[in-house]
Amino acid sequence: MKLGMPITYGEDFAQTIEQLVQFENAGLERVMIPEAYGFDAVTQMGFVAARTSTLELAFGILPMFSRTPTNLAMTAAGLDYVSGGRCILGIGASGPQVIEGFHGVPFDSPVQRAREHVEICRLIWRRERSEYIGENYRLPSASGTGLGKPLKLLNHPVRERIPMALAAIGPRNVALAAEVFDEWQPFLFVPDLVDEAFGAALDAGRAKRDPTLPPLGIAAQTTLLITDDPAREASALDAVRHHTALYVGGMGARGRNFYNTLMRRYGYATAAETIQDLYLAGRKVDAAQAVPIDFARRLALIGTADFVRERLEVYAKAGVSCLLVSPAADSHSERLQQMTTLRARLWPER
């Protein structure tokens, strides 16, 4: 299980990268940069590639709808080139609010589009001619001038199989990740309930998986605070509860909230309904308090060193191949110390 860390929105970027180099020196193995509807992740990742030497560079994620599959293939190959083979191309559907509201593109066929992205990207990286007929994408285009010509990527990629990850929590998307992607990126991941929420979908996808593919990796996110102080622990767990309430209660309309559905699949149906009712009524603090404390504990590495060590074993047993950890300490020096302790003293043996 590798140790990774996401870079969050809105921070002082130059300072963040200076600190990231220190995390790399302390044993960090991967950095993940998200992209929603703020600054693009590609520009930032190019800068990170120039300032680091060993970190895996994972997009978490680039929305499928805002770029063509060929453009994503070129982008990943370019980052792989400048970084010496460290790119991980994470893609996902995002959601209709962003895709239709910000990009002005119809949000349709996300599962089939993801499959076609994999097929086109791998075709481009193999430097095969751009000839492809899918349900959503066709190369060359069947419309326009009719002058489109099948082309090969001009450059020779560092790797013809750049790892691809799919962000997914719905059963069909999770099954697709298990079938054709290198990694699966879940969200609000509770490792000891993976079978209840995702087991059937993972089994269905793995049953169709090409045996030449490596075993499916799982890149899960969590929050870290190693502490013996009950007050600090409670405060950190409260932040996890607020974050959970934002997604379970507010990310999507009633009946179309994927995170709310996920919490129900975990076995917390009553809490999920209450959180959404409170959040949509504008009672956000009450919604956060409605997140069960045991659910928040299961999402995070918050507590004593012994508790954190036990939870790390649960993540490893669940098949997590990269744990993306957000340290919650107040200062950079303490965050660095906690990540160093996590890696050197508490991490499961390889």
Protein backbone atom coordinates (compact mmCIF):
# COMPACT_ATOMS: atom_id res chain seq x y z
CA MET A 1 0.00 0.00 0.00
CA LYS A 2 1.51 3.30 -1.14
CA LEU A 3 1.22 6.59 0.73
CA GLY A 4 -0.20 9.50 -1.22
CA MET A 5 -1.57 12.95 -0.50
CA PRO A 6 -4.00 15.23 -2.33
CA ILE A 7 -3.35 18.91 -2.93
CA THR A 8 -6.47 20.83 -2.00
CA TYR A 9 -8.10 23.84 -3.59
CA GLY A 10 -7.33 27.44 -2.73
CA GLU A 11 -3.95 27.17 -1.02
CA ASP A 12 -0.81 29.22 -1.66
CA PHE A 13 0.46 27.09 -4.54
CA ALA A 14 4.13 28.04 -4.37
CA GLN A 15 4.22 27.33 -0.65
CA THR A 16 2.29 24.09 -1.13
CA ILE A 17 4.87 22.80 -3.61
CA GLU A 18 7.77 23.75 -1.36
CA GLN A 19 6.12 21.73 1.38
CA LEU A 20 5.30 18.89 -1.01
CA VAL A 21 9.00 18.38 -1.69
CA GLN A 22 9.51 17.92 2.04
CA PHE A 23 6.73 15.31 2.13
CA GLU A 24 8.41 13.55 -0.81
CA ASN A 25 11.68 13.43 1.11
CA ALA A 26 9.78 11.98 4.10
CA GLY A 27 8.47 9.02 2.10
CA LEU A 28 5.40 10.30 0.26
CA GLU A 29 4.92 8.26 -2.92
CA ARG A 30 2.06 9.98 -4.77
CA VAL A 31 0.44 13.38 -5.10
CA MET A 32 -3.08 13.85 -6.42
CA ILE A 33 -4.48 17.07 -7.88
CA PRO A 34 -8.23 17.49 -8.38
CA GLU A 35 -10.04 19.53 -10.99
CA ALA A 36 -13.58 20.79 -10.52
CA TYR A 37 -14.45 24.22 -11.89
CA GLY A 38 -11.46 26.21 -10.70
CA PHE A 39 -7.91 26.26 -12.01
CA ASP A 40 -7.09 23.38 -14.32
CA ALA A 41 -5.10 20.50 -12.83
CA VAL A 42 -2.81 19.95 -15.82
CA THR A 43 -0.94 23.25 -15.50
CA GLN A 44 -0.37 22.66 -11.80
CA MET A 45 0.78 19.09 -12.34
CA GLY A 46 3.38 20.19 -14.87
CA PHE A 47 4.88 22.45 -12.21
CA VAL A 48 4.82 19.62 -9.67
CA ALA A 49 6.58 17.36 -12.17
CA ALA A 50 9.39 19.88 -12.48
CA ARG A 51 9.86 20.24 -8.72
CA THR A 52 9.70 16.56 -7.71
CA SER A 53 11.62 13.49 -8.75
CA THR A 54 9.93 10.33 -7.48
CA LEU A 55 6.29 11.15 -6.74
CA GLU A 56 3.60 9.52 -8.84
CA LEU A 57 1.52 12.28 -10.41
CA ALA A 58 -2.16 11.39 -10.27
CA PHE A 59 -5.03 13.42 -11.61
CA GLY A 60 -7.97 13.09 -9.30
CA ILE A 61 -9.80 13.62 -11.58
CA LEU A 62 -9.95 15.17 -15.05
CA PRO A 63 -13.60 15.29 -16.18
CA MET A 64 -14.26 13.24 -19.31
CA PHE A 65 -16.76 15.68 -20.80
CA SER A 66 -14.53 18.76 -20.88
CA ARG A 67 -11.78 17.24 -23.08
CA THR A 68 -11.78 14.77 -25.94
CA PRO A 69 -10.34 11.30 -25.25
CA THR A 70 -7.51 12.04 -27.68
CA ASN A 71 -6.68 15.27 -25.87
CA LEU A 72 -6.56 13.41 -22.56
CA ALA A 73 -4.28 10.79 -24.11
CA MET A 74 -1.94 13.54 -25.39
CA THR A 75 -1.99 15.28 -22.00
CA ALA A 76 -1.13 12.13 -20.08
CA ALA A 77 1.61 11.19 -22.56
CA GLY A 78 3.04 14.70 -22.30
CA LEU A 79 3.11 14.64 -18.49
CA ASP A 80 4.61 11.15 -18.58
CA TYR A 81 7.33 12.50 -20.88
CA VAL A 82 8.34 15.51 -18.78
CA SER A 83 8.18 13.51 -15.53
CA GLY A 84 10.02 10.39 -16.67
CA GLY A 85 7.01 8.08 -16.55
CA ARG A 86 5.17 9.17 -13.40
CA CYS A 87 1.67 10.04 -14.69
CA ILE A 88 -1.54 8.38 -13.54
CA LEU A 89 -4.51 9.52 -15.63
CA GLY A 90 -7.51 9.71 -13.33
CA ILE A 91 -10.77 10.47 -15.09
CA GLY A 92 -14.40 10.66 -14.06
CA ALA A 93 -17.80 11.97 -14.99
CA SER A 94 -17.98 14.87 -12.53
CA GLY A 95 -21.69 15.72 -12.44
CA PRO A 96 -24.42 17.47 -14.45
CA GLN A 97 -24.18 20.65 -12.37
CA VAL A 98 -20.58 21.20 -13.47
CA ILE A 99 -20.63 19.61 -16.92
CA GLU A 100 -23.82 21.26 -18.14
CA GLY A 101 -23.69 24.38 -15.99
CA PHE A 102 -20.01 25.30 -16.36
CA HIS A 103 -18.89 23.56 -19.56
CA GLY A 104 -22.18 23.72 -21.45
CA VAL A 105 -21.92 20.08 -22.53
CA PRO A 106 -24.73 17.51 -22.18
CA PHE A 107 -24.14 15.06 -19.34
CA ASP A 108 -24.97 11.74 -20.96
CA SER A 109 -23.73 8.13 -21.15
CA PRO A 110 -21.01 8.49 -18.46
CA VAL A 111 -20.34 4.75 -18.18
CA GLN A 112 -20.02 4.12 -21.91
CA ARG A 113 -17.95 7.28 -22.34
CA ALA A 114 -15.51 6.05 -19.70
CA ARG A 115 -15.10 2.75 -21.54
CA GLU A 116 -14.46 4.55 -24.82
CA HIS A 117 -11.92 6.84 -23.15
CA VAL A 118 -9.91 3.81 -22.05
CA GLU A 119 -10.00 2.27 -25.52
CA ILE A 120 -9.05 5.48 -27.32
CA CYS A 121 -6.30 6.48 -24.89
CA ARG A 122 -4.63 3.08 -25.11
CA LEU A 123 -4.93 3.14 -28.91
CA ILE A 124 -3.22 6.54 -29.04
CA TRP A 125 -0.44 5.49 -26.65
CA ARG A 126 0.27 2.43 -28.79
CA ARG A 127 0.76 4.86 -31.69
CA GLU A 128 -1.92 3.19 -33.75
CA ARG A 129 -3.87 5.16 -36.34
CA SER A 130 -6.73 7.18 -34.92
CA GLU A 131 -9.45 4.90 -36.21
CA TYR A 132 -12.26 4.20 -33.77
CA ILE A 133 -16.03 3.81 -33.89
CA GLY A 134 -17.88 4.01 -30.60
CA GLU A 135 -21.29 5.04 -29.38
CA ASN A 136 -20.07 8.49 -28.32
CA TYR A 137 -16.78 9.05 -30.17
CA ARG A 138 -15.70 8.39 -33.73
CA LEU A 139 -12.25 8.85 -35.20
CA PRO A 140 -12.02 10.35 -37.75
CA SER A 141 -15.20 12.33 -37.22
CA ALA A 142 -18.19 11.31 -39.30
CA SER A 143 -19.34 14.95 -39.48
CA GLY A 144 -17.66 18.15 -40.57
CA THR A 145 -15.73 18.54 -43.81
CA GLY A 146 -15.08 14.85 -44.35
CA LEU A 147 -11.35 15.60 -44.65
CA GLY A 148 -10.36 14.04 -41.33
CA LYS A 149 -7.36 11.74 -41.61
CA PRO A 150 -6.40 8.87 -39.28
CA LEU A 151 -3.15 9.89 -37.57
CA LYS A 152 -0.61 8.39 -35.19
CA LEU A 153 0.72 10.26 -32.20
CA LEU A 154 3.80 12.12 -33.44
CA ASN A 155 5.93 11.31 -30.41
CA HIS A 156 6.87 7.95 -28.95
CA PRO A 157 5.35 7.80 -25.45
CA VAL A 158 7.53 6.89 -22.49
CA ARG A 159 4.96 4.17 -21.73
CA GLU A 160 2.31 2.76 -24.02
CA ARG A 161 0.24 1.76 -20.98
CA ILE A 162 -0.05 4.81 -18.75
CA PRO A 163 -2.13 3.76 -15.73
CA MET A 164 -5.73 4.93 -15.87
CA ALA A 165 -8.00 5.36 -12.86
CA LEU A 166 -11.75 5.85 -12.75
CA ALA A 167 -13.49 7.82 -10.02
CA ALA A 168 -16.67 5.89 -9.34
CA ILE A 169 -19.19 5.08 -6.61
CA GLY A 170 -22.20 3.89 -8.63
CA PRO A 171 -22.46 0.13 -9.25
CA ARG A 172 -22.16 0.30 -13.06
CA ASN A 173 -19.17 2.62 -12.94
CA VAL A 174 -17.47 0.57 -10.22
CA ALA A 175 -17.98 -2.58 -12.27
CA LEU A 176 -16.43 -0.84 -15.28
CA ALA A 177 -13.44 0.25 -13.21
CA ALA A 178 -12.90 -3.34 -12.09
CA GLU A 179 -13.20 -4.58 -15.66
CA VAL A 180 -10.93 -2.28 -17.70
CA PHE A 181 -9.16 0.35 -15.56
CA ASP A 182 -5.86 0.05 -13.72
CA GLU A 183 -7.21 1.75 -10.59
CA TRP A 184 -10.51 2.58 -8.97
CA GLN A 185 -10.89 5.87 -7.05
CA PRO A 186 -13.82 5.61 -4.63
CA PHE A 187 -15.06 8.49 -2.49
CA LEU A 188 -16.29 8.47 1.11
CA PHE A 189 -14.61 5.06 1.31
CA VAL A 190 -15.33 2.92 4.38
CA PRO A 191 -12.88 0.01 4.07
CA ASP A 192 -14.67 -2.39 6.42
CA LEU A 193 -17.92 -1.97 4.47
CA VAL A 194 -16.47 -2.36 0.98
CA ASP A 195 -18.25 -5.66 0.40
CA GLU A 196 -21.64 -4.28 1.45
CA ALA A 197 -21.41 -1.21 -0.78
CA PHE A 198 -19.28 -2.37 -3.69
CA GLY A 199 -18.77 -6.13 -3.51
CA ALA A 200 -21.26 -7.19 -6.18
CA ALA A 201 -20.08 -4.53 -8.64
CA LEU A 202 -16.40 -5.33 -8.08
CA ASP A 203 -17.03 -9.04 -8.53
CA ALA A 204 -18.97 -8.46 -11.74
CA GLY A 205 -16.22 -6.30 -13.21
CA ARG A 206 -13.36 -8.55 -12.18
CA ALA A 207 -15.12 -11.52 -13.76
CA LYS A 208 -14.77 -9.78 -17.15
CA ARG A 209 -11.26 -8.40 -16.58
CA ASP A 210 -8.63 -9.16 -19.20
CA PRO A 211 -6.09 -11.48 -17.53
CA THR A 212 -3.27 -9.49 -19.12
CA LEU A 213 -4.24 -6.49 -16.99
CA PRO A 214 -2.62 -6.12 -13.57
CA PRO A 215 -4.81 -6.59 -10.48
CA LEU A 216 -7.17 -3.68 -9.87
CA GLY A 217 -5.66 -1.02 -7.64
CA ILE A 218 -7.75 1.03 -5.21
CA ALA A 219 -6.80 4.63 -4.41
CA ALA A 220 -8.81 5.75 -1.38
CA GLN A 221 -8.82 9.07 0.47
CA THR A 222 -8.82 9.67 4.21
CA THR A 223 -7.99 12.26 6.88
CA LEU A 224 -5.17 11.92 9.42
CA LEU A 225 -4.75 13.20 12.96
CA ILE A 226 -2.72 11.18 15.45
CA THR A 227 -3.62 12.45 18.90
CA ASP A 228 -4.27 11.42 22.50
CA ASP A 229 -6.22 14.63 23.11
CA PRO A 230 -10.00 13.96 23.12
CA ALA A 231 -10.76 17.60 22.28
CA ARG A 232 -8.53 17.59 19.18
CA GLU A 233 -9.95 14.25 18.14
CA ALA A 234 -13.52 15.54 18.48
CA SER A 235 -12.72 18.69 16.51
CA ALA A 236 -11.12 16.72 13.66
CA LEU A 237 -14.02 14.27 13.54
CA ASP A 238 -16.42 17.22 13.46
CA ALA A 239 -14.67 18.47 10.31
CA VAL A 240 -15.10 15.01 8.74
CA ARG A 241 -18.80 15.10 9.62
CA HIS A 242 -19.23 18.52 7.99
CA HIS A 243 -17.44 17.30 4.85
CA THR A 244 -19.63 14.20 4.75
CA ALA A 245 -22.82 16.23 5.22
CA LEU A 246 -21.84 18.49 2.31
CA TYR A 247 -21.77 15.53 -0.06
CA VAL A 248 -24.48 13.31 1.40
CA GLY A 249 -26.82 16.24 1.96
CA GLY A 250 -26.00 18.84 -0.65
CA MET A 251 -24.22 17.37 -3.67
CA GLY A 252 -27.15 16.64 -5.95
CA ALA A 253 -30.90 16.95 -5.95
CA ARG A 254 -33.14 14.74 -3.86
CA GLY A 255 -33.27 11.38 -5.60
CA ARG A 256 -30.15 12.18 -7.69
CA ASN A 257 -27.48 12.37 -4.99
CA PHE A 258 -24.95 9.57 -5.57
CA TYR A 259 -23.27 10.12 -2.20
CA ASN A 260 -26.56 9.85 -0.35
CA THR A 261 -27.24 6.58 -2.16
CA LEU A 262 -23.77 5.34 -1.21
CA MET A 263 -24.34 6.03 2.48
CA ARG A 264 -27.54 4.02 2.24
CA ARG A 265 -25.63 1.13 0.68
CA TYR A 266 -23.24 1.27 3.63
CA GLY A 267 -26.25 0.57 5.88
CA TYR A 268 -26.91 4.11 7.11
CA ALA A 269 -30.21 4.76 5.29
CA THR A 270 -31.95 6.59 8.12
CA ALA A 271 -28.98 8.87 8.74
CA ALA A 272 -28.64 9.57 5.00
CA GLU A 273 -32.27 10.67 4.79
CA THR A 274 -31.98 12.89 7.86
CA ILE A 275 -28.75 14.52 6.67
CA GLN A 276 -30.28 15.36 3.29
CA ASP A 277 -33.51 16.72 4.82
CA LEU A 278 -31.56 19.00 7.16
CA TYR A 279 -29.03 20.13 4.56
CA LEU A 280 -31.61 20.99 1.92
CA ALA A 281 -33.57 22.91 4.56
CA GLY A 282 -30.50 25.10 5.13
CA ARG A 283 -29.63 23.54 8.50
CA LYS A 284 -26.07 22.61 7.58
CA VAL A 285 -24.70 22.44 11.13
CA ASP A 286 -27.53 20.14 12.18
CA ALA A 287 -26.91 18.03 9.07
CA ALA A 288 -23.28 17.57 10.10
CA GLN A 289 -24.31 16.59 13.62
CA ALA A 290 -26.62 13.98 12.09
CA VAL A 291 -23.61 12.15 10.59
CA PRO A 292 -23.10 9.21 12.96
CA ILE A 293 -19.85 9.49 14.85
CA ASP A 294 -18.99 5.85 14.14
CA PHE A 295 -19.37 6.53 10.41
CA ALA A 296 -16.96 9.48 10.67
CA ARG A 297 -14.45 7.32 12.55
CA ARG A 298 -14.62 4.68 9.85
CA LEU A 299 -13.85 7.28 7.18
CA ALA A 300 -10.77 8.68 8.89
CA LEU A 301 -7.46 8.00 10.62
CA ILE A 302 -8.24 10.16 13.65
CA GLY A 303 -7.30 9.03 17.14
CA THR A 304 -4.44 7.42 19.00
CA ALA A 305 -1.47 5.85 17.28
CA ASP A 306 -2.83 2.40 18.12
CA PHE A 307 -6.21 3.25 16.57
CA VAL A 308 -4.57 4.61 13.41
CA ARG A 309 -2.40 1.49 13.11
CA GLU A 310 -5.47 -0.74 13.40
CA ARG A 311 -7.36 1.25 10.76
CA LEU A 312 -4.41 1.10 8.36
CA GLU A 313 -4.59 -2.68 8.53
CA VAL A 314 -8.29 -2.50 7.65
CA TYR A 315 -7.50 -0.38 4.57
CA ALA A 316 -4.81 -2.83 3.50
CA LYS A 317 -7.12 -5.81 4.02
CA ALA A 318 -9.77 -4.07 1.87
CA GLY A 319 -7.33 -4.07 -1.05
CA VAL A 320 -6.32 -0.42 -0.99
CA SER A 321 -3.15 -0.02 -3.04
CA CYS A 322 -2.66 3.70 -2.43
CA LEU A 323 -4.00 5.59 0.59
CA LEU A 324 -4.31 9.32 -0.11
CA VAL A 325 -3.97 10.98 3.27
CA SER A 326 -4.91 14.56 4.14
CA PRO A 327 -3.13 15.49 7.40
CA ALA A 328 -5.40 17.64 9.59
CA ALA A 329 -2.85 19.15 11.98
CA ASP A 330 -2.80 22.95 12.19
CA SER A 331 0.81 23.64 11.18
CA HIS A 332 2.95 22.37 8.33
CA SER A 333 5.63 21.17 10.75
CA GLU A 334 3.13 19.01 12.62
CA ARG A 335 1.56 17.74 9.40
CA LEU A 336 5.02 16.71 8.18
CA GLN A 337 5.81 15.07 11.51
CA GLN A 338 2.52 13.15 11.49
CA MET A 339 3.01 11.89 7.94
CA THR A 340 6.57 10.85 8.81
CA THR A 341 5.31 8.96 11.87
CA LEU A 342 2.56 7.35 9.82
CA ARG A 343 5.00 6.09 7.20
CA ALA A 344 7.87 5.10 9.47
CA ARG A 345 6.12 3.67 12.54
CA LEU A 346 2.50 2.79 11.79
CA TRP A 347 2.39 1.72 8.13
CA PRO A 348 1.57 -1.94 7.43
CA GLU A 349 4.51 -4.07 6.38
CA ARG A 350 4.79 -4.58 2.64
